[in-house]
Amino acid sequence: MKTKNLFMSATLMCGLLIFAFAFDNEGTKWLWSETKPVAIVLGMAAVILGILY
């Protein structure tokens, strides 16, 4: 049961981090706009952890 909760938490965390935004004086921008491979890796991790969940 604990591993199931761990996979669920990790899946949600990775999945929500994909859609993270940064706020500054210039406005709102996607947090991963400079480094798009990070978003791809987070997406793949969310899918893999979701399958394991």
N, C-alpha and C. Protein backbone atom coordinates (compact mmCIF):
# COMPACT_ATOMS: atom_id res chain seq x y z
N MET A 1 0.82 -1.20 0.00
CA MET A 1 0.00 0.00 0.00
C MET A 1 0.87 1.26 0.00
N LYS A 2 1.98 1.25 0.72
CA LYS A 2 2.83 2.43 0.77
C LYS A 2 3.48 2.72 -0.57
N THR A 3 3.87 1.66 -1.31
CA THR A 3 4.48 1.90 -2.61
C THR A 3 3.47 2.47 -3.59
N LYS A 4 2.20 2.07 -3.47
CA LYS A 4 1.16 2.60 -4.34
C LYS A 4 1.00 4.10 -4.09
N ASN A 5 1.01 4.52 -2.83
CA ASN A 5 0.91 5.93 -2.51
C ASN A 5 2.14 6.69 -2.98
N LEU A 6 3.30 6.08 -2.91
CA LEU A 6 4.52 6.71 -3.38
C LEU A 6 4.48 6.94 -4.88
N PHE A 7 4.03 5.95 -5.64
CA PHE A 7 3.92 6.10 -7.08
C PHE A 7 2.88 7.15 -7.45
N MET A 8 1.77 7.19 -6.72
CA MET A 8 0.75 8.19 -7.00
C MET A 8 1.28 9.59 -6.74
N SER A 9 1.97 9.79 -5.63
CA SER A 9 2.52 11.10 -5.31
C SER A 9 3.57 11.53 -6.32
N ALA A 10 4.45 10.63 -6.70
CA ALA A 10 5.49 10.96 -7.67
C ALA A 10 4.89 11.24 -9.05
N THR A 11 3.85 10.51 -9.44
CA THR A 11 3.19 10.74 -10.72
C THR A 11 2.55 12.13 -10.74
N LEU A 12 1.85 12.46 -9.69
CA LEU A 12 1.21 13.78 -9.63
C LEU A 12 2.24 14.90 -9.61
N MET A 13 3.30 14.72 -8.87
CA MET A 13 4.33 15.75 -8.78
C MET A 13 4.98 15.98 -10.14
N CYS A 14 5.39 14.92 -10.82
CA CYS A 14 6.01 15.07 -12.15
C CYS A 14 5.02 15.64 -13.15
N GLY A 15 3.80 15.17 -13.08
CA GLY A 15 2.79 15.65 -14.02
C GLY A 15 2.47 17.13 -13.85
N LEU A 16 2.40 17.58 -12.62
CA LEU A 16 2.09 18.99 -12.38
C LEU A 16 3.29 19.89 -12.62
N LEU A 17 4.49 19.37 -12.43
CA LEU A 17 5.69 20.18 -12.69
C LEU A 17 5.86 20.49 -14.17
N ILE A 18 5.26 19.68 -15.03
CA ILE A 18 5.32 19.95 -16.47
C ILE A 18 4.67 21.30 -16.76
N PHE A 19 3.62 21.62 -16.04
CA PHE A 19 2.84 22.83 -16.30
C PHE A 19 3.19 23.98 -15.36
N ALA A 20 4.43 24.01 -14.86
CA ALA A 20 4.85 25.06 -13.94
C ALA A 20 5.09 26.37 -14.68
N PHE A 21 4.75 27.47 -14.03
CA PHE A 21 4.94 28.79 -14.60
C PHE A 21 5.81 29.63 -13.69
N ALA A 22 6.52 30.58 -14.28
CA ALA A 22 7.35 31.52 -13.52
C ALA A 22 6.76 32.92 -13.71
N PHE A 23 6.74 33.67 -12.65
CA PHE A 23 6.20 35.03 -12.68
C PHE A 23 7.34 36.00 -12.39
N ASP A 24 7.48 37.00 -13.23
CA ASP A 24 8.47 38.05 -12.99
C ASP A 24 7.93 39.37 -13.53
N ASN A 25 8.76 40.39 -13.57
CA ASN A 25 8.31 41.71 -14.00
C ASN A 25 7.93 41.75 -15.48
N GLU A 26 8.48 40.85 -16.27
CA GLU A 26 8.17 40.80 -17.70
C GLU A 26 6.85 40.10 -17.98
N GLY A 27 6.35 39.37 -17.03
CA GLY A 27 5.08 38.66 -17.21
C GLY A 27 5.19 37.21 -16.80
N THR A 28 4.25 36.43 -17.27
CA THR A 28 4.19 35.01 -16.96
C THR A 28 4.79 34.22 -18.10
N LYS A 29 5.62 33.24 -17.76
CA LYS A 29 6.18 32.38 -18.80
C LYS A 29 6.28 30.96 -18.27
N TRP A 30 6.34 30.04 -19.21
CA TRP A 30 6.47 28.63 -18.87
C TRP A 30 7.84 28.41 -18.27
N LEU A 31 7.93 27.71 -17.17
CA LEU A 31 9.18 27.53 -16.44
C LEU A 31 10.24 26.81 -17.28
N TRP A 32 9.82 25.94 -18.17
CA TRP A 32 10.76 25.14 -18.95
C TRP A 32 10.97 25.70 -20.35
N SER A 33 10.67 26.97 -20.60
CA SER A 33 10.81 27.52 -21.94
C SER A 33 12.27 27.56 -22.41
N GLU A 34 13.20 27.70 -21.50
CA GLU A 34 14.63 27.71 -21.85
C GLU A 34 15.18 26.30 -22.02
N THR A 35 14.66 25.35 -21.26
CA THR A 35 15.18 23.97 -21.27
C THR A 35 14.02 22.99 -21.49
N LYS A 36 13.61 22.84 -22.73
CA LYS A 36 12.47 21.96 -23.06
C LYS A 36 12.74 20.48 -22.79
N PRO A 37 14.00 19.99 -22.85
CA PRO A 37 14.21 18.58 -22.53
C PRO A 37 13.80 18.22 -21.10
N VAL A 38 13.86 19.18 -20.18
CA VAL A 38 13.42 18.91 -18.81
C VAL A 38 11.94 18.56 -18.79
N ALA A 39 11.14 19.28 -19.54
CA ALA A 39 9.71 19.00 -19.60
C ALA A 39 9.44 17.64 -20.23
N ILE A 40 10.23 17.28 -21.23
CA ILE A 40 10.06 15.97 -21.87
C ILE A 40 10.40 14.86 -20.90
N VAL A 41 11.48 15.01 -20.15
CA VAL A 41 11.87 14.00 -19.16
C VAL A 41 10.83 13.90 -18.06
N LEU A 42 10.31 15.02 -17.60
CA LEU A 42 9.25 14.99 -16.59
C LEU A 42 8.00 14.30 -17.12
N GLY A 43 7.67 14.53 -18.38
CA GLY A 43 6.51 13.87 -18.97
C GLY A 43 6.70 12.37 -19.08
N MET A 44 7.89 11.96 -19.49
CA MET A 44 8.16 10.52 -19.57
C MET A 44 8.15 9.89 -18.18
N ALA A 45 8.71 10.58 -17.20
CA ALA A 45 8.70 10.06 -15.83
C ALA A 45 7.27 9.94 -15.31
N ALA A 46 6.43 10.92 -15.62
CA ALA A 46 5.03 10.86 -15.18
C ALA A 46 4.30 9.69 -15.81
N VAL A 47 4.57 9.43 -17.09
CA VAL A 47 3.92 8.29 -17.76
C VAL A 47 4.40 6.97 -17.17
N ILE A 48 5.69 6.83 -16.99
CA ILE A 48 6.24 5.58 -16.43
C ILE A 48 5.74 5.36 -15.01
N LEU A 49 5.77 6.40 -14.18
CA LEU A 49 5.29 6.25 -12.81
C LEU A 49 3.79 5.99 -12.79
N GLY A 50 3.05 6.58 -13.73
CA GLY A 50 1.61 6.31 -13.82
C GLY A 50 1.33 4.88 -14.18
N ILE A 51 2.15 4.30 -15.06
CA ILE A 51 1.98 2.88 -15.40
C ILE A 51 2.26 2.01 -14.18
N LEU A 52 3.31 2.35 -13.46
CA LEU A 52 3.65 1.57 -12.26
C LEU A 52 2.62 1.73 -11.15
N TYR A 53 1.94 2.88 -11.14
CA TYR A 53 0.91 3.12 -10.13
C TYR A 53 -0.26 2.20 -10.39
